[in-house]
Amino acid sequence: MHLDEKHAPIQEVLDQIIATAKPDFVFMYNCKYELTGDLRSFKLCVVCDFEDKRSLLRDIFDVDCDIPFDILLYTREQFRQLRDDTAAFANRVCTKGKMLYGKE
């Protein structure tokens, strides 16, 4: 999926995530906008297997992005276990978020 110009910062971060994390899925689950309609901040959920969470997050946050953003990481197994649990945040990400990368 390629995002429009208004969401170019999200696309830059998404491209970095795809290159570094090789994710199964990436969801956008929160975007905030200024009154002018400009993007103010965003949050992404990344589902991938990783050995060193801190190192992976450092690589993802290394992207040059002028907009504040946050990343939530789940392993494949964590996500598989939690996505159908209506009390889990992973379920909310699946049901309310927008999949930017991956296939159901």
PDB file of N, CA and C in Angstrom:
ATOM      1  N   MET A   1       0.840  -1.166   0.000  1.00  0.00           N
ATOM      2  CA  MET A   1       0.000   0.000   0.000  1.00  0.00           C
ATOM      3  C   MET A   1       0.890   1.236   0.000  1.00  0.00           C
ATOM      4  N   HIS A   2       0.526   2.196  -0.822  1.00  0.00           N
ATOM      5  CA  HIS A   2       1.264   3.451  -0.850  1.00  0.00           C
ATOM      6  C   HIS A   2       0.334   4.560  -0.376  1.00  0.00           C
ATOM      7  N   LEU A   3       0.788   5.329   0.601  1.00  0.00           N
ATOM      8  CA  LEU A   3      -0.038   6.368   1.204  1.00  0.00           C
ATOM      9  C   LEU A   3       0.055   7.666   0.425  1.00  0.00           C
ATOM     10  N   ASP A   4      -0.949   8.519   0.583  1.00  0.00           N
ATOM     11  CA  ASP A   4      -0.975   9.807  -0.116  1.00  0.00           C
ATOM     12  C   ASP A   4       0.059  10.772   0.460  1.00  0.00           C
ATOM     13  N   GLU A   5       0.219  11.913  -0.197  1.00  0.00           N
ATOM     14  CA  GLU A   5       1.243  12.890   0.181  1.00  0.00           C
ATOM     15  C   GLU A   5       1.050  13.402   1.603  1.00  0.00           C
ATOM     16  N   LYS A   6      -0.188  13.538   2.031  1.00  0.00           N
ATOM     17  CA  LYS A   6      -0.491  14.006   3.383  1.00  0.00           C
ATOM     18  C   LYS A   6       0.098  13.067   4.443  1.00  0.00           C
ATOM     19  N   HIS A   7       0.218  11.796   4.076  1.00  0.00           N
ATOM     20  CA  HIS A   7       0.724  10.788   4.997  1.00  0.00           C
ATOM     21  C   HIS A   7       2.140  10.318   4.629  1.00  0.00           C
ATOM     22  N   ALA A   8       2.873  11.137   3.904  1.00  0.00           N
ATOM     23  CA  ALA A   8       4.239  10.786   3.478  1.00  0.00           C
ATOM     24  C   ALA A   8       5.157  10.402   4.646  1.00  0.00           C
ATOM     25  N   PRO A   9       5.073  11.085   5.807  1.00  0.00           N
ATOM     26  CA  PRO A   9       5.940  10.665   6.916  1.00  0.00           C
ATOM     27  C   PRO A   9       5.654   9.229   7.367  1.00  0.00           C
ATOM     28  N   ILE A  10       4.401   8.835   7.340  1.00  0.00           N
ATOM     29  CA  ILE A  10       4.049   7.462   7.706  1.00  0.00           C
ATOM     30  C   ILE A  10       4.641   6.494   6.696  1.00  0.00           C
ATOM     31  N   GLN A  11       4.575   6.848   5.412  1.00  0.00           N
ATOM     32  CA  GLN A  11       5.137   5.999   4.361  1.00  0.00           C
ATOM     33  C   GLN A  11       6.637   5.818   4.549  1.00  0.00           C
ATOM     34  N   GLU A  12       7.342   6.886   4.928  1.00  0.00           N
ATOM     35  CA  GLU A  12       8.789   6.803   5.157  1.00  0.00           C
ATOM     36  C   GLU A  12       9.106   5.821   6.279  1.00  0.00           C
ATOM     37  N   VAL A  13       8.361   5.914   7.369  1.00  0.00           N
ATOM     38  CA  VAL A  13       8.572   5.009   8.497  1.00  0.00           C
ATOM     39  C   VAL A  13       8.190   3.585   8.098  1.00  0.00           C
ATOM     40  N   LEU A  14       7.078   3.428   7.384  1.00  0.00           N
ATOM     41  CA  LEU A  14       6.652   2.114   6.915  1.00  0.00           C
ATOM     42  C   LEU A  14       7.728   1.473   6.038  1.00  0.00           C
ATOM     43  N   ASP A  15       8.301   2.233   5.132  1.00  0.00           N
ATOM     44  CA  ASP A  15       9.371   1.706   4.270  1.00  0.00           C
ATOM     45  C   ASP A  15      10.566   1.237   5.101  1.00  0.00           C
ATOM     46  N   GLN A  16      10.912   1.998   6.139  1.00  0.00           N
ATOM     47  CA  GLN A  16      12.019   1.623   7.027  1.00  0.00           C
ATOM     48  C   GLN A  16      11.692   0.332   7.778  1.00  0.00           C
ATOM     49  N   ILE A  17      10.456   0.221   8.241  1.00  0.00           N
ATOM     50  CA  ILE A  17      10.028  -0.981   8.959  1.00  0.00           C
ATOM     51  C   ILE A  17      10.104  -2.200   8.049  1.00  0.00           C
ATOM     52  N   ILE A  18       9.607  -2.069   6.840  1.00  0.00           N
ATOM     53  CA  ILE A  18       9.628  -3.191   5.894  1.00  0.00           C
ATOM     54  C   ILE A  18      11.062  -3.618   5.604  1.00  0.00           C
ATOM     55  N   ALA A  19      11.956  -2.641   5.452  1.00  0.00           N
ATOM     56  CA  ALA A  19      13.354  -2.947   5.144  1.00  0.00           C
ATOM     57  C   ALA A  19      14.093  -3.585   6.322  1.00  0.00           C
ATOM     58  N   THR A  20      13.799  -3.151   7.536  1.00  0.00           N
ATOM     59  CA  THR A  20      14.576  -3.623   8.682  1.00  0.00           C
ATOM     60  C   THR A  20      13.940  -4.787   9.425  1.00  0.00           C
ATOM     61  N   ALA A  21      12.616  -4.787   9.542  1.00  0.00           N
ATOM     62  CA  ALA A  21      11.949  -5.784  10.385  1.00  0.00           C
ATOM     63  C   ALA A  21      11.395  -6.972   9.609  1.00  0.00           C
ATOM     64  N   LYS A  22      11.214  -6.815   8.293  1.00  0.00           N
ATOM     65  CA  LYS A  22      10.595  -7.881   7.486  1.00  0.00           C
ATOM     66  C   LYS A  22       9.295  -8.351   8.164  1.00  0.00           C
ATOM     67  N   PRO A  23       8.345  -7.429   8.401  1.00  0.00           N
ATOM     68  CA  PRO A  23       7.160  -7.761   9.195  1.00  0.00           C
ATOM     69  C   PRO A  23       6.151  -8.628   8.455  1.00  0.00           C
ATOM     70  N   ASP A  24       5.308  -9.295   9.237  1.00  0.00           N
ATOM     71  CA  ASP A  24       4.143  -9.975   8.689  1.00  0.00           C
ATOM     72  C   ASP A  24       3.047  -8.950   8.438  1.00  0.00           C
ATOM     73  N   PHE A  25       2.862  -8.047   9.406  1.00  0.00           N
ATOM     74  CA  PHE A  25       1.825  -7.021   9.333  1.00  0.00           C
ATOM     75  C   PHE A  25       2.334  -5.715   9.902  1.00  0.00           C
ATOM     76  N   VAL A  26       1.789  -4.615   9.381  1.00  0.00           N
ATOM     77  CA  VAL A  26       1.961  -3.302   9.993  1.00  0.00           C
ATOM     78  C   VAL A  26       0.583  -2.636   9.965  1.00  0.00           C
ATOM     79  N   PHE A  27       0.136  -2.215  11.142  1.00  0.00           N
ATOM     80  CA  PHE A  27      -1.139  -1.526  11.275  1.00  0.00           C
ATOM     81  C   PHE A  27      -0.902  -0.097  11.725  1.00  0.00           C
ATOM     82  N   MET A  28      -1.687   0.822  11.192  1.00  0.00           N
ATOM     83  CA  MET A  28      -1.735   2.173  11.718  1.00  0.00           C
ATOM     84  C   MET A  28      -2.954   2.203  12.637  1.00  0.00           C
ATOM     85  N   TYR A  29      -2.732   2.519  13.920  1.00  0.00           N
ATOM     86  CA  TYR A  29      -3.866   2.471  14.829  1.00  0.00           C
ATOM     87  C   TYR A  29      -4.148   3.797  15.513  1.00  0.00           C
ATOM     88  N   ASN A  30      -3.411   4.817  15.192  1.00  0.00           N
ATOM     89  CA  ASN A  30      -3.707   6.117  15.766  1.00  0.00           C
ATOM     90  C   ASN A  30      -3.009   7.196  14.960  1.00  0.00           C
ATOM     91  N   CYS A  31      -3.775   8.155  14.493  1.00  0.00           N
ATOM     92  CA  CYS A  31      -3.238   9.340  13.828  1.00  0.00           C
ATOM     93  C   CYS A  31      -3.884  10.556  14.460  1.00  0.00           C
ATOM     94  N   LYS A  32      -3.095  11.564  14.683  1.00  0.00           N
ATOM     95  CA  LYS A  32      -3.625  12.831  15.190  1.00  0.00           C
ATOM     96  C   LYS A  32      -3.306  13.906  14.155  1.00  0.00           C
ATOM     97  N   TYR A  33      -4.256  14.828  13.993  1.00  0.00           N
ATOM     98  CA  TYR A  33      -4.136  15.880  12.998  1.00  0.00           C
ATOM     99  C   TYR A  33      -4.308  17.246  13.642  1.00  0.00           C
ATOM    100  N   GLU A  34      -3.612  18.228  13.072  1.00  0.00           N
ATOM    101  CA  GLU A  34      -3.803  19.623  13.465  1.00  0.00           C
ATOM    102  C   GLU A  34      -5.167  20.077  12.947  1.00  0.00           C
ATOM    103  N   LEU A  35      -5.660  21.213  13.428  1.00  0.00           N
ATOM    104  CA  LEU A  35      -6.919  21.761  12.923  1.00  0.00           C
ATOM    105  C   LEU A  35      -6.850  22.071  11.432  1.00  0.00           C
ATOM    106  N   THR A  36      -5.635  22.304  10.945  1.00  0.00           N
ATOM    107  CA  THR A  36      -5.431  22.586   9.524  1.00  0.00           C
ATOM    108  C   THR A  36      -5.505  21.319   8.671  1.00  0.00           C
ATOM    109  N   GLY A  37      -5.544  20.150   9.327  1.00  0.00           N
ATOM    110  CA  GLY A  37      -5.567  18.881   8.610  1.00  0.00           C
ATOM    111  C   GLY A  37      -4.198  18.246   8.457  1.00  0.00           C
ATOM    112  N   ASP A  38      -3.150  18.958   8.882  1.00  0.00           N
ATOM    113  CA  ASP A  38      -1.797  18.410   8.795  1.00  0.00           C
ATOM    114  C   ASP A  38      -1.601  17.308   9.837  1.00  0.00           C
ATOM    115  N   LEU A  39      -0.857  16.298   9.460  1.00  0.00           N
ATOM    116  CA  LEU A  39      -0.544  15.196  10.362  1.00  0.00           C
ATOM    117  C   LEU A  39       0.288  15.704  11.532  1.00  0.00           C
ATOM    118  N   ARG A  40      -0.121  15.345  12.760  1.00  0.00           N
ATOM    119  CA  ARG A  40       0.594  15.788  13.956  1.00  0.00           C
ATOM    120  C   ARG A  40       1.407  14.667  14.586  1.00  0.00           C
ATOM    121  N   SER A  41       0.859  13.442  14.621  1.00  0.00           N
ATOM    122  CA  SER A  41       1.573  12.294  15.169  1.00  0.00           C
ATOM    123  C   SER A  41       0.857  11.025  14.731  1.00  0.00           C
ATOM    124  N   PHE A  42       1.548   9.885  14.880  1.00  0.00           N
ATOM    125  CA  PHE A  42       0.927   8.620  14.502  1.00  0.00           C
ATOM    126  C   PHE A  42       1.551   7.473  15.276  1.00  0.00           C
ATOM    127  N   LYS A  43       0.810   6.354  15.304  1.00  0.00           N
ATOM    128  CA  LYS A  43       1.278   5.147  15.973  1.00  0.00           C
ATOM    129  C   LYS A  43       1.085   3.959  15.035  1.00  0.00           C
ATOM    130  N   LEU A  44       2.097   3.111  15.015  1.00  0.00           N
ATOM    131  CA  LEU A  44       2.055   1.916  14.186  1.00  0.00           C
ATOM    132  C   LEU A  44       2.272   0.681  15.052  1.00  0.00           C
ATOM    133  N   CYS A  45       1.628  -0.398  14.664  1.00  0.00           N
ATOM    134  CA  CYS A  45       1.823  -1.690  15.307  1.00  0.00           C
ATOM    135  C   CYS A  45       2.519  -2.594  14.300  1.00  0.00           C
ATOM    136  N   VAL A  46       3.633  -3.179  14.708  1.00  0.00           N
ATOM    137  CA  VAL A  46       4.441  -4.033  13.844  1.00  0.00           C
ATOM    138  C   VAL A  46       4.425  -5.452  14.401  1.00  0.00           C
ATOM    139  N   VAL A  47       4.106  -6.406  13.528  1.00  0.00           N
ATOM    140  CA  VAL A  47       4.097  -7.818  13.915  1.00  0.00           C
ATOM    141  C   VAL A  47       5.218  -8.514  13.149  1.00  0.00           C
ATOM    142  N   CYS A  48       6.224  -8.975  13.886  1.00  0.00           N
ATOM    143  CA  CYS A  48       7.351  -9.674  13.267  1.00  0.00           C
ATOM    144  C   CYS A  48       8.089 -10.444  14.357  1.00  0.00           C
ATOM    145  N   ASP A  49       8.887 -11.367  13.945  1.00  0.00           N
ATOM    146  CA  ASP A  49       9.746 -12.047  14.908  1.00  0.00           C
ATOM    147  C   ASP A  49      11.045 -11.259  15.035  1.00  0.00           C
ATOM    148  N   PHE A  50      11.531 -11.170  16.254  1.00  0.00           N
ATOM    149  CA  PHE A  50      12.765 -10.429  16.507  1.00  0.00           C
ATOM    150  C   PHE A  50      13.490 -11.065  17.676  1.00  0.00           C
ATOM    151  N   GLU A  51      14.797 -10.904  17.667  1.00  0.00           N
ATOM    152  CA  GLU A  51      15.603 -11.424  18.770  1.00  0.00           C
ATOM    153  C   GLU A  51      15.945 -10.335  19.767  1.00  0.00           C
ATOM    154  N   ASP A  52      16.155  -9.129  19.270  1.00  0.00           N
ATOM    155  CA  ASP A  52      16.559  -8.020  20.129  1.00  0.00           C
ATOM    156  C   ASP A  52      15.613  -6.842  19.888  1.00  0.00           C
ATOM    157  N   LYS A  53      14.623  -6.724  20.742  1.00  0.00           N
ATOM    158  CA  LYS A  53      13.592  -5.692  20.581  1.00  0.00           C
ATOM    159  C   LYS A  53      14.202  -4.291  20.579  1.00  0.00           C
ATOM    160  N   ARG A  54      15.109  -4.039  21.495  1.00  0.00           N
ATOM    161  CA  ARG A  54      15.730  -2.720  21.600  1.00  0.00           C
ATOM    162  C   ARG A  54      16.487  -2.352  20.319  1.00  0.00           C
ATOM    163  N   SER A  55      17.229  -3.295  19.782  1.00  0.00           N
ATOM    164  CA  SER A  55      17.985  -3.049  18.551  1.00  0.00           C
ATOM    165  C   SER A  55      17.047  -2.789  17.370  1.00  0.00           C
ATOM    166  N   LEU A  56      15.989  -3.575  17.275  1.00  0.00           N
ATOM    167  CA  LEU A  56      15.029  -3.381  16.183  1.00  0.00           C
ATOM    168  C   LEU A  56      14.361  -2.016  16.283  1.00  0.00           C
ATOM    169  N   LEU A  57      13.940  -1.640  17.475  1.00  0.00           N
ATOM    170  CA  LEU A  57      13.319  -0.325  17.643  1.00  0.00           C
ATOM    171  C   LEU A  57      14.297   0.800  17.307  1.00  0.00           C
ATOM    172  N   ARG A  58      15.546   0.638  17.680  1.00  0.00           N
ATOM    173  CA  ARG A  58      16.563   1.636  17.346  1.00  0.00           C
ATOM    174  C   ARG A  58      16.691   1.785  15.833  1.00  0.00           C
ATOM    175  N   ASP A  59      16.682   0.665  15.118  1.00  0.00           N
ATOM    176  CA  ASP A  59      16.768   0.707  13.653  1.00  0.00           C
ATOM    177  C   ASP A  59      15.543   1.377  13.041  1.00  0.00           C
ATOM    178  N   ILE A  60      14.376   1.088  13.582  1.00  0.00           N
ATOM    179  CA  ILE A  60      13.150   1.700  13.057  1.00  0.00           C
ATOM    180  C   ILE A  60      13.129   3.199  13.331  1.00  0.00           C
ATOM    181  N   PHE A  61      13.472   3.584  14.556  1.00  0.00           N
ATOM    182  CA  PHE A  61      13.435   5.006  14.918  1.00  0.00           C
ATOM    183  C   PHE A  61      14.580   5.799  14.294  1.00  0.00           C
ATOM    184  N   ASP A  62      15.480   5.124  13.601  1.00  0.00           N
ATOM    185  CA  ASP A  62      16.592   5.789  12.926  1.00  0.00           C
ATOM    186  C   ASP A  62      16.130   6.580  11.696  1.00  0.00           C
ATOM    187  N   VAL A  63      14.925   6.340  11.229  1.00  0.00           N
ATOM    188  CA  VAL A  63      14.407   7.046  10.060  1.00  0.00           C
ATOM    189  C   VAL A  63      14.268   8.538  10.396  1.00  0.00           C
ATOM    190  N   ASP A  64      14.557   9.376   9.416  1.00  0.00           N
ATOM    191  CA  ASP A  64      14.468  10.818   9.591  1.00  0.00           C
ATOM    192  C   ASP A  64      13.016  11.245   9.372  1.00  0.00           C
ATOM    193  N   CYS A  65      12.290  11.427  10.452  1.00  0.00           N
ATOM    194  CA  CYS A  65      10.870  11.775  10.376  1.00  0.00           C
ATOM    195  C   CYS A  65      10.615  12.988  11.262  1.00  0.00           C
ATOM    196  N   ASP A  66      10.025  14.032  10.683  1.00  0.00           N
ATOM    197  CA  ASP A  66       9.762  15.262  11.423  1.00  0.00           C
ATOM    198  C   ASP A  66       8.517  15.170  12.301  1.00  0.00           C
ATOM    199  N   ILE A  67       7.716  14.139  12.107  1.00  0.00           N
ATOM    200  CA  ILE A  67       6.463  13.962  12.848  1.00  0.00           C
ATOM    201  C   ILE A  67       6.710  12.952  13.971  1.00  0.00           C
ATOM    202  N   PRO A  68       6.283  13.255  15.196  1.00  0.00           N
ATOM    203  CA  PRO A  68       6.435  12.273  16.281  1.00  0.00           C
ATOM    204  C   PRO A  68       5.642  11.000  15.982  1.00  0.00           C
ATOM    205  N   PHE A  69       6.243   9.863  16.272  1.00  0.00           N
ATOM    206  CA  PHE A  69       5.548   8.596  16.071  1.00  0.00           C
ATOM    207  C   PHE A  69       5.965   7.597  17.136  1.00  0.00           C
ATOM    208  N   ASP A  70       5.118   6.581  17.290  1.00  0.00           N
ATOM    209  CA  ASP A  70       5.393   5.533  18.258  1.00  0.00           C
ATOM    210  C   ASP A  70       5.190   4.190  17.578  1.00  0.00           C
ATOM    211  N   ILE A  71       5.882   3.190  18.078  1.00  0.00           N
ATOM    212  CA  ILE A  71       5.821   1.838  17.519  1.00  0.00           C
ATOM    213  C   ILE A  71       5.467   0.854  18.628  1.00  0.00           C
ATOM    214  N   LEU A  72       4.521  -0.006  18.339  1.00  0.00           N
ATOM    215  CA  LEU A  72       4.176  -1.116  19.213  1.00  0.00           C
ATOM    216  C   LEU A  72       4.602  -2.388  18.501  1.00  0.00           C
ATOM    217  N   LEU A  73       5.405  -3.214  19.176  1.00  0.00           N
ATOM    218  CA  LEU A  73       5.910  -4.451  18.583  1.00  0.00           C
ATOM    219  C   LEU A  73       5.258  -5.671  19.216  1.00  0.00           C
ATOM    220  N   TYR A  74       4.817  -6.584  18.368  1.00  0.00           N
ATOM    221  CA  TYR A  74       4.372  -7.903  18.803  1.00  0.00           C
ATOM    222  C   TYR A  74       5.149  -8.948  18.025  1.00  0.00           C
ATOM    223  N   THR A  75       5.507 -10.046  18.689  1.00  0.00           N
ATOM    224  CA  THR A  75       6.024 -11.191  17.935  1.00  0.00           C
ATOM    225  C   THR A  75       4.831 -11.844  17.229  1.00  0.00           C
ATOM    226  N   ARG A  76       5.116 -12.685  16.251  1.00  0.00           N
ATOM    227  CA  ARG A  76       4.039 -13.397  15.548  1.00  0.00           C
ATOM    228  C   ARG A  76       3.183 -14.192  16.532  1.00  0.00           C
ATOM    229  N   GLU A  77       3.851 -14.878  17.452  1.00  0.00           N
ATOM    230  CA  GLU A  77       3.139 -15.716  18.415  1.00  0.00           C
ATOM    231  C   GLU A  77       2.280 -14.879  19.365  1.00  0.00           C
ATOM    232  N   GLN A  78       2.831 -13.788  19.879  1.00  0.00           N
ATOM    233  CA  GLN A  78       2.053 -12.907  20.753  1.00  0.00           C
ATOM    234  C   GLN A  78       0.799 -12.410  20.039  1.00  0.00           C
ATOM    235  N   PHE A  79       0.987 -11.963  18.819  1.00  0.00           N
ATOM    236  CA  PHE A  79      -0.130 -11.400  18.061  1.00  0.00           C
ATOM    237  C   PHE A  79      -1.176 -12.464  17.764  1.00  0.00           C
ATOM    238  N   ARG A  80      -0.727 -13.644  17.383  1.00  0.00           N
ATOM    239  CA  ARG A  80      -1.645 -14.742  17.089  1.00  0.00           C
ATOM    240  C   ARG A  80      -2.495 -15.067  18.315  1.00  0.00           C
ATOM    241  N   GLN A  81      -1.878 -15.068  19.480  1.00  0.00           N
ATOM    242  CA  GLN A  81      -2.592 -15.391  20.712  1.00  0.00           C
ATOM    243  C   GLN A  81      -3.560 -14.291  21.143  1.00  0.00           C
ATOM    244  N   LEU A  82      -3.208 -13.032  20.884  1.00  0.00           N
ATOM    245  CA  LEU A  82      -3.971 -11.916  21.430  1.00  0.00           C
ATOM    246  C   LEU A  82      -4.991 -11.286  20.480  1.00  0.00           C
ATOM    247  N   ARG A  83      -4.850 -11.480  19.189  1.00  0.00           N
ATOM    248  CA  ARG A  83      -5.698 -10.735  18.260  1.00  0.00           C
ATOM    249  C   ARG A  83      -7.184 -11.076  18.352  1.00  0.00           C
ATOM    250  N   ASP A  84      -7.523 -12.272  18.817  1.00  0.00           N
ATOM    251  CA  ASP A  84      -8.932 -12.649  18.937  1.00  0.00           C
ATOM    252  C   ASP A  84      -9.485 -12.450  20.344  1.00  0.00           C
ATOM    253  N   ASP A  85      -8.651 -12.013  21.268  1.00  0.00           N
ATOM    254  CA  ASP A  85      -9.064 -11.766  22.640  1.00  0.00           C
ATOM    255  C   ASP A  85      -9.601 -10.333  22.723  1.00  0.00           C
ATOM    256  N   THR A  86     -10.916 -10.193  22.910  1.00  0.00           N
ATOM    257  CA  THR A  86     -11.530  -8.864  22.882  1.00  0.00           C
ATOM    258  C   THR A  86     -11.033  -7.943  24.001  1.00  0.00           C
ATOM    259  N   ALA A  87     -10.390  -8.491  25.012  1.00  0.00           N
ATOM    260  CA  ALA A  87      -9.836  -7.676  26.090  1.00  0.00           C
ATOM    261  C   ALA A  87      -8.406  -7.214  25.791  1.00  0.00           C
ATOM    262  N   ALA A  88      -7.809  -7.720  24.723  1.00  0.00           N
ATOM    263  CA  ALA A  88      -6.408  -7.408  24.409  1.00  0.00           C
ATOM    264  C   ALA A  88      -6.302  -6.224  23.452  1.00  0.00           C
ATOM    265  N   PHE A  89      -5.238  -5.443  23.623  1.00  0.00           N
ATOM    266  CA  PHE A  89      -5.012  -4.301  22.746  1.00  0.00           C
ATOM    267  C   PHE A  89      -4.775  -4.747  21.303  1.00  0.00           C
ATOM    268  N   ALA A  90      -4.167  -5.907  21.120  1.00  0.00           N
ATOM    269  CA  ALA A  90      -3.930  -6.422  19.763  1.00  0.00           C
ATOM    270  C   ALA A  90      -5.246  -6.592  19.016  1.00  0.00           C
ATOM    271  N   ASN A  91      -6.301  -6.972  19.708  1.00  0.00           N
ATOM    272  CA  ASN A  91      -7.619  -7.090  19.081  1.00  0.00           C
ATOM    273  C   ASN A  91      -8.117  -5.728  18.623  1.00  0.00           C
ATOM    274  N   ARG A  92      -7.910  -4.726  19.444  1.00  0.00           N
ATOM    275  CA  ARG A  92      -8.336  -3.369  19.064  1.00  0.00           C
ATOM    276  C   ARG A  92      -7.569  -2.873  17.839  1.00  0.00           C
ATOM    277  N   VAL A  93      -6.287  -3.162  17.809  1.00  0.00           N
ATOM    278  CA  VAL A  93      -5.476  -2.772  16.652  1.00  0.00           C
ATOM    279  C   VAL A  93      -6.023  -3.430  15.383  1.00  0.00           C
ATOM    280  N   CYS A  94      -6.369  -4.710  15.486  1.00  0.00           N
ATOM    281  CA  CYS A  94      -6.904  -5.443  14.327  1.00  0.00           C
ATOM    282  C   CYS A  94      -8.256  -4.912  13.873  1.00  0.00           C
ATOM    283  N   THR A  95      -9.111  -4.605  14.827  1.00  0.00           N
ATOM    284  CA  THR A  95     -10.476  -4.229  14.475  1.00  0.00           C
ATOM    285  C   THR A  95     -10.638  -2.752  14.156  1.00  0.00           C
ATOM    286  N   LYS A  96      -9.857  -1.905  14.789  1.00  0.00           N
ATOM    287  CA  LYS A  96     -10.013  -0.459  14.606  1.00  0.00           C
ATOM    288  C   LYS A  96      -8.907   0.153  13.748  1.00  0.00           C
ATOM    289  N   GLY A  97      -7.771  -0.543  13.661  1.00  0.00           N
ATOM    290  CA  GLY A  97      -6.645  -0.002  12.915  1.00  0.00           C
ATOM    291  C   GLY A  97      -6.763  -0.251  11.420  1.00  0.00           C
ATOM    292  N   LYS A  98      -5.846   0.321  10.685  1.00  0.00           N
ATOM    293  CA  LYS A  98      -5.794   0.149   9.225  1.00  0.00           C
ATOM    294  C   LYS A  98      -4.528  -0.610   8.872  1.00  0.00           C
ATOM    295  N   MET A  99      -4.688  -1.736   8.172  1.00  0.00           N
ATOM    296  CA  MET A  99      -3.513  -2.517   7.774  1.00  0.00           C
ATOM    297  C   MET A  99      -2.794  -1.774   6.637  1.00  0.00           C
ATOM    298  N   LEU A 100      -1.540  -1.479   6.879  1.00  0.00           N
ATOM    299  CA  LEU A 100      -0.714  -0.810   5.867  1.00  0.00           C
ATOM    300  C   LEU A 100       0.158  -1.787   5.106  1.00  0.00           C
ATOM    301  N   TYR A 101       0.420  -2.935   5.724  1.00  0.00           N
ATOM    302  CA  TYR A 101       1.295  -3.922   5.104  1.00  0.00           C
ATOM    303  C   TYR A 101       0.897  -5.303   5.611  1.00  0.00           C
ATOM    304  N   GLY A 102       0.884  -6.272   4.706  1.00  0.00           N
ATOM    305  CA  GLY A 102       0.580  -7.649   5.072  1.00  0.00           C
ATOM    306  C   GLY A 102      -0.763  -8.098   4.518  1.00  0.00           C
ATOM    307  N   LYS A 103      -1.066  -9.342   4.791  1.00  0.00           N
ATOM    308  CA  LYS A 103      -2.313  -9.937   4.327  1.00  0.00           C
ATOM    309  C   LYS A 103      -2.953 -10.682   5.474  1.00  0.00           C
ATOM    310  N   GLU A 104      -4.273 -10.605   5.533  1.00  0.00           N
ATOM    311  CA  GLU A 104      -5.014 -11.342   6.582  1.00  0.00           C
ATOM    312  C   GLU A 104      -5.005 -12.819   6.284  1.00  0.00           C
TER     313      GLU A 104
END
